[in-house]
């Protein structure tokens, strides 16, 4: 896995364990999606009440499946703490001020404390976006990551999750559209465009990209694209 640990990297063992733990989290996300498909679940937006459509899909993934999958890893222990819309502070490279960032899926991994520091709460962030007719909001999440220096111990790579709701698109289509945007995007400095990155055997819709923040610190993004085009009712 080509991930950069930037200023937090202390040794190879630290990064290796972090990679393993993050991969376990991502496998749980994929397992959750595959169970949704296998069980024939359909998400009817008319039953979401006043919840935003994006949040409704995120809630069902996290609350109904992902929490259970993560618990299976730890056999009932409390190593993983998963929350939605948890805010973390960051200093903006644009205005130099502190801001709050509400994170779609915020996962604290207590098992990494011994490697990153006993007083820390290392967390992995996953941002979610619906992919319907444009990738602009998805790309904007990448742009935001380049502009922010987080004050707490955010693991040195990002997670981005796309719910594909366009039946004419698949993960390969999305990859090409995003890479075309990145090739000419003057706001995002890209080291490596999206390349296939296998998180779980037989799941092909996962990719890795690498970028630089505005202060030239490199970081990586793991992208997961979940096809919801057949299971969403508007």
Protein backbone atom coordinates (compact mmCIF):
# COMPACT_ATOMS: atom_id res chain seq x y z
CA UNK A 1 0.00 0.00 0.00
CA UNK A 2 1.50 3.31 -1.05
CA UNK A 3 0.52 5.51 1.89
CA UNK A 4 2.47 8.43 3.32
CA UNK A 5 2.52 8.91 7.11
CA UNK A 6 3.87 12.51 6.84
CA UNK A 7 4.99 14.07 10.10
CA UNK A 8 3.49 11.28 12.26
CA UNK A 9 5.51 8.41 10.87
CA UNK A 10 7.89 7.04 13.50
CA UNK A 11 8.87 3.66 12.10
CA UNK A 12 7.92 0.98 9.64
CA UNK A 13 6.19 -1.16 12.25
CA UNK A 14 3.89 1.74 13.14
CA UNK A 15 2.85 2.29 9.53
CA UNK A 16 2.51 -1.43 8.83
CA UNK A 17 0.07 -1.93 11.71
CA UNK A 18 -1.88 1.17 10.69
CA UNK A 19 -2.19 -0.13 7.13
CA UNK A 20 -3.45 -3.47 8.41
CA UNK A 21 -6.05 -1.86 10.68
CA UNK A 22 -7.32 0.52 8.02
CA UNK A 23 -7.60 -2.34 5.54
CA UNK A 24 -9.71 -4.24 8.10
CA UNK A 25 -12.02 -1.22 8.40
CA UNK A 26 -12.39 -0.95 4.63
CA UNK A 27 -13.09 -4.68 4.31
CA UNK A 28 -15.89 -4.17 6.84
CA UNK A 29 -17.33 -1.38 4.67
CA UNK A 30 -17.24 -3.68 1.63
CA UNK A 31 -18.76 -6.57 3.63
CA UNK A 32 -21.57 -4.24 4.71
CA UNK A 33 -22.28 -3.26 1.10
CA UNK A 34 -22.20 -6.87 -0.08
CA UNK A 35 -24.69 -7.87 2.63
CA UNK A 36 -27.02 -5.04 1.58
CA UNK A 37 -26.95 -6.41 -1.98
CA UNK A 38 -27.26 -10.06 -0.94
CA UNK A 39 -30.24 -9.32 1.31
CA UNK A 40 -32.06 -7.44 -1.45
CA UNK A 41 -32.29 -4.24 0.60
CA UNK A 42 -33.91 -1.26 -1.14
CA UNK A 43 -33.56 2.31 0.12
CA UNK A 44 -36.76 4.29 -0.40
CA UNK A 45 -36.09 8.01 -0.12
CA UNK A 46 -39.78 8.66 0.51
CA UNK A 47 -39.27 7.02 3.92
CA UNK A 48 -36.22 9.05 4.98
CA UNK A 49 -38.22 11.77 6.72
CA UNK A 50 -36.22 14.99 6.90
CA UNK A 51 -32.83 13.28 6.67
CA UNK A 52 -30.72 14.29 3.67
CA UNK A 53 -30.47 11.56 1.03
CA UNK A 54 -26.70 11.26 1.39
CA UNK A 55 -26.97 11.02 5.17
CA UNK A 56 -29.79 8.47 4.87
CA UNK A 57 -27.58 6.14 2.81
CA UNK A 58 -24.65 6.71 5.16
CA UNK A 59 -26.80 6.01 8.23
CA UNK A 60 -28.14 2.75 6.86
CA UNK A 61 -24.64 1.56 5.94
CA UNK A 62 -23.15 2.49 9.32
CA UNK A 63 -25.98 1.80 11.77
CA UNK A 64 -27.45 -1.30 10.16
CA UNK A 65 -24.26 -3.06 9.02
CA UNK A 66 -20.85 -1.47 9.63
CA UNK A 67 -21.08 -1.31 13.43
CA UNK A 68 -21.81 -5.05 13.49
CA UNK A 69 -18.97 -5.86 11.05
CA UNK A 70 -16.42 -3.90 13.09
CA UNK A 71 -17.53 -5.64 16.28
CA UNK A 72 -16.80 -8.99 14.64
CA UNK A 73 -13.13 -8.01 14.25
CA UNK A 74 -12.68 -7.35 17.95
CA UNK A 75 -14.93 -10.12 19.29
CA UNK A 76 -17.03 -7.64 21.24
CA UNK A 77 -14.25 -5.38 22.52
CA UNK A 78 -14.36 -1.59 22.35
CA UNK A 79 -11.31 -0.96 20.17
CA UNK A 80 -13.33 0.66 17.38
CA UNK A 81 -15.55 3.63 18.11
CA UNK A 82 -17.61 4.67 15.10
CA UNK A 83 -19.56 7.91 14.84
CA UNK A 84 -21.34 9.96 12.19
CA UNK A 85 -20.94 13.71 11.68
CA UNK A 86 -18.30 13.98 14.40
CA UNK A 87 -16.51 17.33 14.19
CA UNK A 88 -12.73 17.66 14.30
CA UNK A 89 -10.79 20.91 14.31
CA UNK A 90 -8.42 21.87 11.52
CA UNK A 91 -6.34 24.90 10.65
CA UNK A 92 -7.01 26.12 7.14
CA UNK A 93 -4.05 26.74 4.86
CA UNK A 94 -6.23 29.33 3.11
CA UNK A 95 -7.01 31.73 5.97
CA UNK A 96 -4.84 30.43 8.83
CA UNK A 97 -7.89 30.11 11.10
CA UNK A 98 -9.31 27.19 13.07
CA UNK A 99 -12.47 25.56 11.69
CA UNK A 100 -14.74 22.61 12.50
CA UNK A 101 -14.99 19.72 10.06
CA UNK A 102 -18.06 17.45 10.40
CA UNK A 103 -16.84 14.02 9.22
CA UNK A 104 -19.32 11.63 7.60
CA UNK A 105 -17.84 8.45 9.11
CA UNK A 106 -15.40 8.93 11.99
CA UNK A 107 -13.68 5.82 13.34
CA UNK A 108 -11.37 5.89 16.38
CA UNK A 109 -9.06 2.89 16.66
CA UNK A 110 -7.90 2.52 20.26
CA UNK A 111 -5.68 -0.43 19.32
CA UNK A 112 -3.29 1.99 17.63
CA UNK A 113 -2.68 4.09 20.74
CA UNK A 114 0.52 2.26 21.70
CA UNK A 115 1.99 3.01 18.28
CA UNK A 116 0.85 6.60 17.80
CA UNK A 117 0.97 7.63 21.48
CA UNK A 118 -1.01 6.51 24.52
CA UNK A 119 -2.65 9.93 24.91
CA UNK A 120 -3.88 10.02 21.31
CA UNK A 121 -7.11 8.80 19.77
CA UNK A 122 -6.05 7.97 16.21
CA UNK A 123 -9.02 8.28 13.89
CA UNK A 124 -9.76 7.34 10.30
CA UNK A 125 -12.11 9.59 8.34
CA UNK A 126 -14.37 8.54 5.47
CA UNK A 127 -16.29 11.16 3.48
CA UNK A 128 -19.39 10.05 1.56
CA UNK A 129 -20.93 11.43 -1.61
CA UNK A 130 -23.78 10.46 -3.93
CA UNK A 131 -22.68 10.10 -7.56
CA UNK A 132 -25.61 10.88 -9.84
CA UNK A 133 -24.72 13.14 -12.76
CA UNK A 134 -21.56 14.91 -11.61
CA UNK A 135 -18.39 14.20 -9.66
CA UNK A 136 -17.90 17.83 -8.57
CA UNK A 137 -18.87 17.32 -4.92
CA UNK A 138 -16.69 14.20 -4.75
CA UNK A 139 -13.71 16.08 -6.16
CA UNK A 140 -14.42 18.91 -3.74
CA UNK A 141 -13.81 16.54 -0.82
CA UNK A 142 -10.34 15.84 -2.25
CA UNK A 143 -9.73 19.57 -2.62
CA UNK A 144 -10.75 20.18 1.01
CA UNK A 145 -8.24 17.57 2.19
CA UNK A 146 -5.43 19.53 0.51
CA UNK A 147 -6.41 22.71 2.37
CA UNK A 148 -6.59 21.40 5.94
CA UNK A 149 -4.12 20.68 8.73
CA UNK A 150 -5.95 18.70 11.42
CA UNK A 151 -5.11 19.40 15.06
CA UNK A 152 -5.86 15.88 16.39
CA UNK A 153 -4.29 12.65 15.19
CA UNK A 154 -6.08 11.98 11.92
CA UNK A 155 -4.47 8.99 10.25
CA UNK A 156 -2.25 10.21 7.39
CA UNK A 157 -4.54 9.18 4.57
CA UNK A 158 -8.18 9.76 3.69
CA UNK A 159 -11.17 7.57 2.86
CA UNK A 160 -13.70 8.59 0.22
CA UNK A 161 -16.85 6.61 -0.49
CA UNK A 162 -19.09 7.15 -3.51
CA UNK A 163 -22.68 5.88 -3.74
CA UNK A 164 -23.23 5.39 -7.49
CA UNK A 165 -26.87 6.12 -8.32
CA UNK A 166 -26.51 6.51 -12.09
CA UNK A 167 -27.27 3.22 -13.88
CA UNK A 168 -25.09 4.33 -16.82
CA UNK A 169 -22.02 4.58 -14.57
CA UNK A 170 -19.85 1.98 -12.88
CA UNK A 171 -16.63 2.26 -10.88
CA UNK A 172 -14.48 2.21 -14.03
CA UNK A 173 -16.49 5.08 -15.49
CA UNK A 174 -16.13 7.08 -12.28
CA UNK A 175 -12.39 6.45 -12.18
CA UNK A 176 -11.94 7.80 -15.72
CA UNK A 177 -14.05 10.89 -15.03
CA UNK A 178 -12.18 11.68 -11.81
CA UNK A 179 -8.76 11.16 -13.38
CA UNK A 180 -9.66 13.41 -16.28
CA UNK A 181 -10.61 16.11 -13.79
CA UNK A 182 -7.43 15.64 -11.74
CA UNK A 183 -5.23 15.90 -14.83
CA UNK A 184 -6.32 19.51 -15.37
CA UNK A 185 -7.33 20.55 -11.84
CA UNK A 186 -5.30 23.60 -10.79
CA UNK A 187 -6.58 23.45 -7.19
CA UNK A 188 -5.42 19.90 -6.42
CA UNK A 189 -1.78 18.85 -6.69
CA UNK A 190 -1.89 15.19 -7.67
CA UNK A 191 1.12 12.89 -7.33
CA UNK A 192 -0.71 9.79 -8.54
CA UNK A 193 -4.15 9.57 -10.12
CA UNK A 194 -6.61 6.86 -9.14
CA UNK A 195 -5.11 3.41 -9.65
CA UNK A 196 -6.67 0.05 -8.92
CA UNK A 197 -6.02 -0.99 -5.32
CA UNK A 198 -7.39 -4.31 -4.11
CA UNK A 199 -8.77 -4.05 -0.57
CA UNK A 200 -10.69 -7.32 -0.68
CA UNK A 201 -10.49 -10.25 -3.09
CA UNK A 202 -13.10 -10.12 -5.86
CA UNK A 203 -14.05 -6.51 -5.06
CA UNK A 204 -12.75 -4.39 -7.91
CA UNK A 205 -14.25 -0.98 -7.12
CA UNK A 206 -11.43 0.26 -4.87
CA UNK A 207 -8.70 2.71 -5.88
CA UNK A 208 -5.77 4.63 -4.43
CA UNK A 209 -4.61 8.14 -5.29
CA UNK A 210 -1.87 10.40 -3.89
CA UNK A 211 -1.83 14.18 -3.53
CA UNK A 212 -0.08 17.06 -1.76
CA UNK A 213 -1.52 19.49 0.74
CA UNK A 214 -1.00 23.21 0.29
CA UNK A 215 2.04 22.96 2.60
CA UNK A 216 3.45 20.24 0.27
CA UNK A 217 2.81 17.39 2.73
CA UNK A 218 1.90 14.27 0.74
CA UNK A 219 -1.12 12.14 1.61
CA UNK A 220 -3.11 9.32 0.03
CA UNK A 221 -6.80 8.63 -0.50
CA UNK A 222 -8.48 5.24 -0.64
CA UNK A 223 -11.61 5.37 -2.80
CA UNK A 224 -14.50 2.89 -2.59
CA UNK A 225 -17.34 3.06 -5.14
CA UNK A 226 -20.56 1.24 -4.20
CA UNK A 227 -23.17 0.66 -6.90
CA UNK A 228 -26.55 1.74 -5.51
CA UNK A 229 -28.20 2.35 -8.89
CA UNK A 230 -30.50 -0.68 -8.57
CA UNK A 231 -31.34 -0.36 -4.86
CA UNK A 232 -32.40 3.26 -4.47
CA UNK A 233 -35.97 4.46 -5.01
CA UNK A 234 -36.49 8.20 -5.44
